[in-house]
Amino acid sequence: MKTVTDYPVHDLIATRWSPCSFANRPVSDDDLRSLFEAARWAASSYNEQPWSYILAKKEDAAEFERLLSCLVEPNQVWARFASALALGISSLNFARDKKPNRAAVHDLGLAAGSLLLEATSRGLAIHQMIGILPDKARELYSIPEGCEPMTAIAIGYAGVQNDLPENVRTRDAAR
């Protein structure tokens, strides 16, 4: 469905959507690689690319549950239906001189935006979340000092989940 915009924008922007309902359909490894390749090519301050992602696919149930446990409970309710989850991590200091990188979080956002557009171009949907448990993620994944778990992304094909709570289904239907 294309969103009605006030001014013309590219269809990828007008059709992107962040659903809470995902179809029970896996995302191919090739598609996942392309999403993160798009993120890799995002612009960044000094071309630092101060981000990394941890990816968990639903086929690897233990790893998927591990990453899912790093989300706040309201996000776990619906994100468990996604085909894959990713944890976005910012490196807060420049690699070259260890000085603070004030653009690190911004640059992670640009990477996520590139990933989002690539996903949309492939008929996939992603839902970004700030509702994560950074301390738990840091512990479970041994995230080093100077790096910060900032966001999570649910990846999959938009679908309908009738066993989602009513408020989540209503939010998706209001698209």
N, C-alpha and C. Protein backbone atom coordinates (compact mmCIF):
# COMPACT_ATOMS: atom_id res chain seq x y z
N MET A 1 0.85 -1.16 0.00
CA MET A 1 0.00 0.00 0.00
C MET A 1 0.90 1.24 0.00
N LYS A 2 0.57 2.17 -0.83
CA LYS A 2 1.34 3.40 -0.93
C LYS A 2 0.71 4.47 -0.03
N THR A 3 1.54 5.08 0.79
CA THR A 3 1.08 6.14 1.67
C THR A 3 0.81 7.40 0.86
N VAL A 4 -0.23 8.12 1.22
CA VAL A 4 -0.51 9.40 0.58
C VAL A 4 0.42 10.42 1.22
N THR A 5 1.27 11.03 0.40
CA THR A 5 2.23 12.02 0.90
C THR A 5 1.81 13.42 0.49
N ASP A 6 2.27 14.40 1.20
CA ASP A 6 1.95 15.79 0.87
C ASP A 6 2.65 16.25 -0.41
N TYR A 7 3.82 15.69 -0.67
CA TYR A 7 4.59 16.02 -1.87
C TYR A 7 5.12 14.72 -2.45
N PRO A 8 5.39 14.70 -3.75
CA PRO A 8 5.86 13.46 -4.37
C PRO A 8 7.19 12.99 -3.77
N VAL A 9 7.26 11.71 -3.48
CA VAL A 9 8.49 11.07 -3.03
C VAL A 9 8.63 9.75 -3.79
N HIS A 10 9.80 9.18 -3.75
CA HIS A 10 10.04 7.91 -4.42
C HIS A 10 9.12 6.84 -3.84
N ASP A 11 8.66 5.93 -4.69
CA ASP A 11 7.76 4.87 -4.25
C ASP A 11 8.33 4.03 -3.10
N LEU A 12 9.65 3.82 -3.08
CA LEU A 12 10.24 3.06 -1.97
C LEU A 12 9.96 3.72 -0.63
N ILE A 13 9.95 5.04 -0.63
CA ILE A 13 9.68 5.77 0.61
C ILE A 13 8.19 5.73 0.93
N ALA A 14 7.36 5.90 -0.08
CA ALA A 14 5.91 5.95 0.14
C ALA A 14 5.31 4.58 0.47
N THR A 15 5.98 3.50 0.07
CA THR A 15 5.43 2.17 0.33
C THR A 15 6.05 1.48 1.54
N ARG A 16 7.11 2.03 2.09
CA ARG A 16 7.74 1.37 3.25
C ARG A 16 6.80 1.46 4.44
N TRP A 17 6.88 0.45 5.26
CA TRP A 17 5.96 0.33 6.38
C TRP A 17 6.65 -0.48 7.46
N SER A 18 6.33 -0.24 8.68
CA SER A 18 6.92 -0.96 9.81
C SER A 18 5.84 -1.79 10.50
N PRO A 19 5.55 -2.98 9.96
CA PRO A 19 4.48 -3.78 10.54
C PRO A 19 4.89 -4.45 11.84
N CYS A 20 3.89 -4.83 12.59
CA CYS A 20 4.10 -5.69 13.76
C CYS A 20 3.69 -7.13 13.43
N SER A 21 3.00 -7.30 12.33
CA SER A 21 2.55 -8.63 11.90
C SER A 21 3.43 -9.10 10.75
N PHE A 22 3.96 -10.30 10.91
CA PHE A 22 4.84 -10.87 9.89
C PHE A 22 4.30 -12.22 9.44
N ALA A 23 4.47 -12.52 8.16
CA ALA A 23 4.07 -13.81 7.60
C ALA A 23 5.06 -14.88 8.05
N ASN A 24 4.58 -16.10 8.15
CA ASN A 24 5.43 -17.24 8.50
C ASN A 24 6.15 -17.70 7.24
N ARG A 25 7.14 -16.92 6.84
CA ARG A 25 7.87 -17.16 5.59
C ARG A 25 9.31 -16.71 5.80
N PRO A 26 10.27 -17.60 5.58
CA PRO A 26 11.66 -17.21 5.80
C PRO A 26 12.16 -16.21 4.76
N VAL A 27 13.11 -15.40 5.16
CA VAL A 27 13.82 -14.50 4.25
C VAL A 27 15.09 -15.23 3.82
N SER A 28 15.37 -15.23 2.54
CA SER A 28 16.52 -15.97 2.03
C SER A 28 17.83 -15.36 2.54
N ASP A 29 18.85 -16.20 2.61
CA ASP A 29 20.18 -15.73 2.99
C ASP A 29 20.68 -14.67 2.01
N ASP A 30 20.40 -14.86 0.72
CA ASP A 30 20.83 -13.87 -0.27
C ASP A 30 20.18 -12.52 -0.01
N ASP A 31 18.89 -12.51 0.30
CA ASP A 31 18.23 -11.24 0.61
C ASP A 31 18.82 -10.61 1.86
N LEU A 32 19.05 -11.41 2.89
CA LEU A 32 19.64 -10.86 4.11
C LEU A 32 21.02 -10.28 3.85
N ARG A 33 21.83 -10.98 3.07
CA ARG A 33 23.16 -10.46 2.74
C ARG A 33 23.04 -9.12 2.02
N SER A 34 22.09 -9.02 1.11
CA SER A 34 21.92 -7.76 0.36
C SER A 34 21.46 -6.63 1.27
N LEU A 35 20.61 -6.92 2.24
CA LEU A 35 20.17 -5.87 3.17
C LEU A 35 21.37 -5.30 3.93
N PHE A 36 22.22 -6.17 4.41
CA PHE A 36 23.36 -5.69 5.20
C PHE A 36 24.47 -5.13 4.31
N GLU A 37 24.50 -5.53 3.06
CA GLU A 37 25.41 -4.88 2.11
C GLU A 37 24.95 -3.45 1.86
N ALA A 38 23.65 -3.25 1.76
CA ALA A 38 23.12 -1.88 1.61
C ALA A 38 23.49 -1.04 2.83
N ALA A 39 23.37 -1.62 4.01
CA ALA A 39 23.76 -0.90 5.23
C ALA A 39 25.25 -0.57 5.20
N ARG A 40 26.05 -1.50 4.73
CA ARG A 40 27.50 -1.29 4.69
C ARG A 40 27.88 -0.10 3.83
N TRP A 41 27.11 0.16 2.78
CA TRP A 41 27.43 1.24 1.85
C TRP A 41 26.81 2.59 2.24
N ALA A 42 26.21 2.66 3.42
CA ALA A 42 25.64 3.94 3.88
C ALA A 42 26.75 4.95 4.13
N ALA A 43 26.40 6.20 3.95
CA ALA A 43 27.34 7.29 4.25
C ALA A 43 27.63 7.31 5.75
N SER A 44 28.84 7.74 6.09
CA SER A 44 29.19 7.90 7.50
C SER A 44 30.30 8.94 7.64
N SER A 45 30.38 9.53 8.80
CA SER A 45 31.39 10.54 9.08
C SER A 45 32.78 9.94 8.90
N TYR A 46 33.60 10.58 8.08
CA TYR A 46 34.96 10.11 7.77
C TYR A 46 34.97 8.69 7.21
N ASN A 47 33.85 8.25 6.66
CA ASN A 47 33.72 6.89 6.14
C ASN A 47 34.07 5.84 7.21
N GLU A 48 33.79 6.17 8.44
CA GLU A 48 34.14 5.33 9.58
C GLU A 48 33.30 4.06 9.66
N GLN A 49 32.04 4.16 9.22
CA GLN A 49 31.08 3.05 9.34
C GLN A 49 31.08 2.49 10.76
N PRO A 50 30.69 3.33 11.73
CA PRO A 50 30.79 2.95 13.14
C PRO A 50 29.61 2.10 13.63
N TRP A 51 29.22 1.13 12.87
CA TRP A 51 28.10 0.29 13.26
C TRP A 51 28.46 -1.16 13.02
N SER A 52 27.76 -2.00 13.71
CA SER A 52 27.80 -3.43 13.45
C SER A 52 26.43 -3.98 13.79
N TYR A 53 26.16 -5.14 13.24
CA TYR A 53 24.88 -5.79 13.50
C TYR A 53 25.12 -7.22 13.95
N ILE A 54 24.28 -7.67 14.84
CA ILE A 54 24.21 -9.08 15.20
C ILE A 54 22.89 -9.57 14.63
N LEU A 55 22.94 -10.63 13.83
CA LEU A 55 21.77 -11.15 13.14
C LEU A 55 21.40 -12.51 13.71
N ALA A 56 20.11 -12.72 13.92
CA ALA A 56 19.59 -14.02 14.34
C ALA A 56 18.41 -14.38 13.45
N LYS A 57 18.52 -15.54 12.81
CA LYS A 57 17.43 -16.01 11.95
C LYS A 57 16.54 -16.98 12.73
N LYS A 58 15.28 -16.97 12.39
CA LYS A 58 14.31 -17.81 13.10
C LYS A 58 14.66 -19.30 13.01
N GLU A 59 15.32 -19.70 11.90
CA GLU A 59 15.68 -21.11 11.74
C GLU A 59 16.64 -21.58 12.84
N ASP A 60 17.41 -20.66 13.39
CA ASP A 60 18.30 -20.98 14.51
C ASP A 60 17.57 -20.53 15.78
N ALA A 61 16.69 -21.41 16.25
CA ALA A 61 15.76 -21.05 17.33
C ALA A 61 16.47 -20.54 18.58
N ALA A 62 17.57 -21.17 18.97
CA ALA A 62 18.26 -20.75 20.20
C ALA A 62 18.83 -19.34 20.05
N GLU A 63 19.44 -19.06 18.91
CA GLU A 63 20.03 -17.73 18.70
C GLU A 63 18.94 -16.67 18.55
N PHE A 64 17.83 -17.05 17.88
CA PHE A 64 16.71 -16.13 17.73
C PHE A 64 16.14 -15.76 19.10
N GLU A 65 15.93 -16.76 19.95
CA GLU A 65 15.41 -16.51 21.30
C GLU A 65 16.38 -15.67 22.12
N ARG A 66 17.65 -15.90 21.92
CA ARG A 66 18.68 -15.12 22.63
C ARG A 66 18.56 -13.64 22.29
N LEU A 67 18.47 -13.34 20.99
CA LEU A 67 18.35 -11.93 20.59
C LEU A 67 16.99 -11.37 20.98
N LEU A 68 15.94 -12.18 20.83
CA LEU A 68 14.60 -11.75 21.22
C LEU A 68 14.56 -11.34 22.69
N SER A 69 15.32 -12.02 23.52
CA SER A 69 15.33 -11.71 24.96
C SER A 69 15.96 -10.35 25.26
N CYS A 70 16.61 -9.75 24.27
CA CYS A 70 17.21 -8.42 24.44
C CYS A 70 16.22 -7.30 24.14
N LEU A 71 15.00 -7.66 23.75
CA LEU A 71 13.95 -6.67 23.47
C LEU A 71 13.09 -6.50 24.71
N VAL A 72 12.51 -5.30 24.87
CA VAL A 72 11.55 -5.11 25.95
C VAL A 72 10.33 -5.98 25.67
N GLU A 73 9.63 -6.35 26.71
CA GLU A 73 8.51 -7.29 26.61
C GLU A 73 7.47 -6.89 25.55
N PRO A 74 7.01 -5.63 25.50
CA PRO A 74 6.01 -5.30 24.47
C PRO A 74 6.50 -5.56 23.04
N ASN A 75 7.78 -5.41 22.79
CA ASN A 75 8.31 -5.71 21.45
C ASN A 75 8.47 -7.21 21.23
N GLN A 76 8.77 -7.95 22.28
CA GLN A 76 8.90 -9.41 22.14
C GLN A 76 7.59 -10.03 21.67
N VAL A 77 6.47 -9.46 22.12
CA VAL A 77 5.14 -10.01 21.81
C VAL A 77 4.95 -10.17 20.30
N TRP A 78 5.35 -9.18 19.52
CA TRP A 78 5.14 -9.25 18.08
C TRP A 78 6.41 -9.58 17.30
N ALA A 79 7.58 -9.18 17.78
CA ALA A 79 8.82 -9.40 17.03
C ALA A 79 9.16 -10.88 16.91
N ARG A 80 8.60 -11.71 17.77
CA ARG A 80 8.88 -13.15 17.70
C ARG A 80 8.37 -13.77 16.41
N PHE A 81 7.48 -13.07 15.69
CA PHE A 81 6.94 -13.58 14.44
C PHE A 81 7.81 -13.22 13.23
N ALA A 82 8.78 -12.35 13.40
CA ALA A 82 9.65 -11.95 12.29
C ALA A 82 10.51 -13.14 11.85
N SER A 83 11.01 -13.08 10.63
CA SER A 83 11.89 -14.13 10.12
C SER A 83 13.30 -13.99 10.65
N ALA A 84 13.69 -12.77 10.98
CA ALA A 84 15.03 -12.50 11.50
C ALA A 84 14.99 -11.27 12.39
N LEU A 85 15.93 -11.21 13.29
CA LEU A 85 16.11 -10.05 14.15
C LEU A 85 17.56 -9.60 14.04
N ALA A 86 17.77 -8.31 14.13
CA ALA A 86 19.13 -7.77 14.12
C ALA A 86 19.26 -6.76 15.26
N LEU A 87 20.41 -6.76 15.87
CA LEU A 87 20.74 -5.80 16.91
C LEU A 87 21.75 -4.83 16.33
N GLY A 88 21.42 -3.53 16.34
CA GLY A 88 22.31 -2.50 15.81
C GLY A 88 23.18 -1.92 16.92
N ILE A 89 24.48 -1.91 16.67
CA ILE A 89 25.45 -1.47 17.67
C ILE A 89 26.27 -0.32 17.10
N SER A 90 26.43 0.73 17.88
CA SER A 90 27.27 1.87 17.49
C SER A 90 28.61 1.79 18.20
N SER A 91 29.68 2.03 17.43
CA SER A 91 31.02 2.21 18.01
C SER A 91 31.13 3.70 18.32
N LEU A 92 31.24 4.04 19.57
CA LEU A 92 31.14 5.43 19.99
C LEU A 92 32.42 6.25 19.82
N ASN A 93 33.51 5.59 19.49
CA ASN A 93 34.79 6.29 19.29
C ASN A 93 35.34 5.96 17.91
N PHE A 94 36.05 6.91 17.33
CA PHE A 94 36.69 6.67 16.04
C PHE A 94 37.74 5.57 16.18
N ALA A 95 37.84 4.71 15.20
CA ALA A 95 38.83 3.64 15.22
C ALA A 95 40.25 4.20 15.09
N ARG A 96 40.39 5.27 14.32
CA ARG A 96 41.73 5.78 13.99
C ARG A 96 42.42 6.50 15.15
N ASP A 97 41.64 7.17 16.01
CA ASP A 97 42.29 7.94 17.08
C ASP A 97 41.61 7.77 18.44
N LYS A 98 40.58 6.94 18.50
CA LYS A 98 39.84 6.64 19.74
C LYS A 98 39.12 7.83 20.34
N LYS A 99 39.04 8.93 19.60
CA LYS A 99 38.29 10.10 20.09
C LYS A 99 36.80 9.85 19.90
N PRO A 100 35.95 10.52 20.71
CA PRO A 100 34.51 10.33 20.58
C PRO A 100 34.01 10.67 19.17
N ASN A 101 33.15 9.82 18.67
CA ASN A 101 32.52 10.02 17.36
C ASN A 101 31.09 10.49 17.61
N ARG A 102 30.87 11.80 17.56
CA ARG A 102 29.54 12.35 17.82
C ARG A 102 28.52 11.95 16.77
N ALA A 103 28.97 11.46 15.63
CA ALA A 103 28.06 11.07 14.56
C ALA A 103 27.73 9.58 14.58
N ALA A 104 28.25 8.83 15.52
CA ALA A 104 28.12 7.37 15.49
C ALA A 104 26.66 6.90 15.45
N VAL A 105 25.82 7.45 16.30
CA VAL A 105 24.42 7.02 16.34
C VAL A 105 23.69 7.48 15.08
N HIS A 106 23.99 8.68 14.64
CA HIS A 106 23.43 9.19 13.38
C HIS A 106 23.81 8.25 12.23
N ASP A 107 25.07 7.85 12.20
CA ASP A 107 25.54 6.98 11.12
C ASP A 107 24.89 5.61 11.17
N LEU A 108 24.65 5.07 12.37
CA LEU A 108 23.90 3.82 12.49
C LEU A 108 22.50 4.00 11.90
N GLY A 109 21.90 5.16 12.14
CA GLY A 109 20.58 5.45 11.56
C GLY A 109 20.60 5.48 10.04
N LEU A 110 21.66 6.06 9.47
CA LEU A 110 21.79 6.06 8.01
C LEU A 110 21.92 4.64 7.48
N ALA A 111 22.70 3.81 8.17
CA ALA A 111 22.85 2.42 7.76
C ALA A 111 21.50 1.70 7.81
N ALA A 112 20.75 1.93 8.89
CA ALA A 112 19.43 1.31 9.01
C ALA A 112 18.49 1.81 7.93
N GLY A 113 18.59 3.09 7.57
CA GLY A 113 17.76 3.63 6.49
C GLY A 113 18.07 2.97 5.16
N SER A 114 19.34 2.74 4.89
CA SER A 114 19.72 2.06 3.65
C SER A 114 19.21 0.62 3.66
N LEU A 115 19.33 -0.04 4.80
CA LEU A 115 18.83 -1.40 4.94
C LEU A 115 17.32 -1.41 4.70
N LEU A 116 16.62 -0.45 5.27
CA LEU A 116 15.17 -0.35 5.13
C LEU A 116 14.76 -0.19 3.66
N LEU A 117 15.43 0.68 2.94
CA LEU A 117 15.07 0.89 1.53
C LEU A 117 15.37 -0.35 0.69
N GLU A 118 16.49 -1.01 0.97
CA GLU A 118 16.80 -2.26 0.25
C GLU A 118 15.75 -3.32 0.55
N ALA A 119 15.35 -3.42 1.81
CA ALA A 119 14.31 -4.38 2.18
C ALA A 119 13.01 -4.08 1.44
N THR A 120 12.61 -2.83 1.42
CA THR A 120 11.38 -2.44 0.74
C THR A 120 11.45 -2.77 -0.74
N SER A 121 12.60 -2.56 -1.35
CA SER A 121 12.76 -2.85 -2.79
C SER A 121 12.62 -4.34 -3.07
N ARG A 122 12.83 -5.17 -2.08
CA ARG A 122 12.75 -6.62 -2.23
C ARG A 122 11.41 -7.19 -1.74
N GLY A 123 10.48 -6.31 -1.39
CA GLY A 123 9.18 -6.78 -0.91
C GLY A 123 9.20 -7.22 0.55
N LEU A 124 10.25 -6.86 1.25
CA LEU A 124 10.36 -7.20 2.67
C LEU A 124 9.91 -6.02 3.52
N ALA A 125 9.63 -6.31 4.76
CA ALA A 125 9.28 -5.26 5.72
C ALA A 125 10.24 -5.34 6.88
N ILE A 126 10.60 -4.18 7.41
CA ILE A 126 11.39 -4.16 8.64
C ILE A 126 10.71 -3.22 9.62
N HIS A 127 10.92 -3.52 10.88
CA HIS A 127 10.38 -2.69 11.95
C HIS A 127 11.52 -2.41 12.91
N GLN A 128 11.92 -1.16 12.98
CA GLN A 128 13.00 -0.76 13.88
C GLN A 128 12.44 -0.50 15.26
N MET A 129 13.25 -0.83 16.26
CA MET A 129 12.82 -0.68 17.65
C MET A 129 13.93 -0.04 18.47
N ILE A 130 13.56 0.89 19.29
CA ILE A 130 14.49 1.42 20.28
C ILE A 130 14.27 0.70 21.62
N GLY A 131 13.16 -0.02 21.72
CA GLY A 131 12.82 -0.73 22.94
C GLY A 131 13.63 -2.00 23.11
N ILE A 132 14.86 -1.82 23.55
CA ILE A 132 15.76 -2.95 23.79
C ILE A 132 16.29 -2.88 25.22
N LEU A 133 16.95 -3.93 25.62
CA LEU A 133 17.59 -4.00 26.93
C LEU A 133 19.10 -3.98 26.70
N PRO A 134 19.68 -2.78 26.63
CA PRO A 134 21.10 -2.68 26.26
C PRO A 134 22.04 -3.45 27.19
N ASP A 135 21.79 -3.41 28.49
CA ASP A 135 22.68 -4.12 29.41
C ASP A 135 22.63 -5.63 29.19
N LYS A 136 21.44 -6.14 28.93
CA LYS A 136 21.31 -7.57 28.66
C LYS A 136 22.01 -7.93 27.36
N ALA A 137 21.84 -7.11 26.32
CA ALA A 137 22.51 -7.36 25.04
C ALA A 137 24.03 -7.33 25.23
N ARG A 138 24.51 -6.36 25.97
CA ARG A 138 25.95 -6.23 26.22
C ARG A 138 26.48 -7.49 26.89
N GLU A 139 25.73 -8.00 27.87
CA GLU A 139 26.14 -9.20 28.59
C GLU A 139 26.07 -10.45 27.71
N LEU A 140 24.95 -10.66 27.03
CA LEU A 140 24.77 -11.88 26.23
C LEU A 140 25.73 -11.96 25.05
N TYR A 141 26.08 -10.81 24.49
CA TYR A 141 26.91 -10.81 23.29
C TYR A 141 28.32 -10.27 23.54
N SER A 142 28.67 -10.08 24.80
CA SER A 142 30.02 -9.58 25.16
C SER A 142 30.40 -8.36 24.33
N ILE A 143 29.48 -7.41 24.27
CA ILE A 143 29.72 -6.17 23.52
C ILE A 143 30.76 -5.35 24.28
N PRO A 144 31.84 -4.98 23.60
CA PRO A 144 32.95 -4.33 24.30
C PRO A 144 32.66 -2.90 24.73
N GLU A 145 33.46 -2.44 25.66
CA GLU A 145 33.43 -1.05 26.11
C GLU A 145 33.62 -0.15 24.89
N GLY A 146 32.90 0.95 24.84
CA GLY A 146 33.00 1.88 23.72
C GLY A 146 32.03 1.57 22.59
N CYS A 147 31.29 0.49 22.73
CA CYS A 147 30.25 0.12 21.77
C CYS A 147 28.93 0.07 22.52
N GLU A 148 27.87 0.50 21.85
CA GLU A 148 26.58 0.60 22.53
C GLU A 148 25.48 -0.02 21.68
N PRO A 149 24.75 -1.03 22.22
CA PRO A 149 23.57 -1.53 21.52
C PRO A 149 22.51 -0.43 21.52
N MET A 150 22.05 -0.05 20.34
CA MET A 150 21.16 1.11 20.21
C MET A 150 19.75 0.76 19.75
N THR A 151 19.64 -0.22 18.89
CA THR A 151 18.36 -0.47 18.25
C THR A 151 18.27 -1.93 17.84
N ALA A 152 17.07 -2.38 17.58
CA ALA A 152 16.86 -3.71 17.02
C ALA A 152 15.97 -3.56 15.80
N ILE A 153 16.05 -4.55 14.92
CA ILE A 153 15.26 -4.53 13.69
C ILE A 153 14.63 -5.91 13.51
N ALA A 154 13.32 -5.94 13.31
CA ALA A 154 12.62 -7.16 12.93
C ALA A 154 12.54 -7.16 11.40
N ILE A 155 12.84 -8.29 10.79
CA ILE A 155 12.90 -8.41 9.33
C ILE A 155 12.00 -9.56 8.90
N GLY A 156 11.20 -9.33 7.87
CA GLY A 156 10.37 -10.40 7.34
C GLY A 156 9.44 -9.90 6.25
N TYR A 157 8.45 -10.70 5.97
CA TYR A 157 7.40 -10.33 5.03
C TYR A 157 6.18 -9.92 5.85
N ALA A 158 5.57 -8.81 5.50
CA ALA A 158 4.37 -8.37 6.21
C ALA A 158 3.30 -9.45 6.10
N GLY A 159 2.56 -9.64 7.16
CA GLY A 159 1.52 -10.65 7.17
C GLY A 159 0.47 -10.30 8.19
N VAL A 160 -0.32 -11.28 8.56
CA VAL A 160 -1.38 -11.09 9.55
C VAL A 160 -1.17 -12.12 10.65
N GLN A 161 -1.13 -11.66 11.88
CA GLN A 161 -1.00 -12.54 13.04
C GLN A 161 -2.23 -12.35 13.90
N ASN A 162 -3.13 -13.30 13.84
CA ASN A 162 -4.36 -13.17 14.62
C ASN A 162 -4.14 -13.39 16.11
N ASP A 163 -3.00 -13.96 16.49
CA ASP A 163 -2.77 -14.18 17.91
C ASP A 163 -1.98 -13.05 18.57
N LEU A 164 -1.85 -11.93 17.88
CA LEU A 164 -1.27 -10.74 18.50
C LEU A 164 -2.31 -10.06 19.38
N PRO A 165 -1.87 -9.34 20.39
CA PRO A 165 -2.84 -8.59 21.20
C PRO A 165 -3.65 -7.61 20.34
N GLU A 166 -4.85 -7.36 20.76
CA GLU A 166 -5.77 -6.50 20.01
C GLU A 166 -5.17 -5.14 19.70
N ASN A 167 -4.48 -4.53 20.65
CA ASN A 167 -3.93 -3.19 20.41
C ASN A 167 -2.85 -3.22 19.32
N VAL A 168 -2.11 -4.30 19.22
CA VAL A 168 -1.09 -4.42 18.17
C VAL A 168 -1.75 -4.64 16.82
N ARG A 169 -2.76 -5.51 16.77
CA ARG A 169 -3.49 -5.74 15.51
C ARG A 169 -4.15 -4.45 15.03
N THR A 170 -4.73 -3.69 15.95
CA THR A 170 -5.39 -2.43 15.60
C THR A 170 -4.38 -1.44 15.04
N ARG A 171 -3.20 -1.38 15.65
CA ARG A 171 -2.16 -0.46 15.17
C ARG A 171 -1.73 -0.83 13.75
N ASP A 172 -1.57 -2.12 13.48
CA ASP A 172 -1.20 -2.56 12.14
C ASP A 172 -2.31 -2.26 11.13
N ALA A 173 -3.56 -2.49 11.53
CA ALA A 173 -4.69 -2.27 10.63
C ALA A 173 -4.88 -0.80 10.30
N ALA A 174 -4.42 0.09 11.16
CA ALA A 174 -4.60 1.53 10.96
C ALA A 174 -3.61 2.11 9.96
N ARG A 175 -2.79 1.30 9.39
CA ARG A 175 -1.77 1.75 8.44
C ARG A 175 -2.31 2.67 7.42
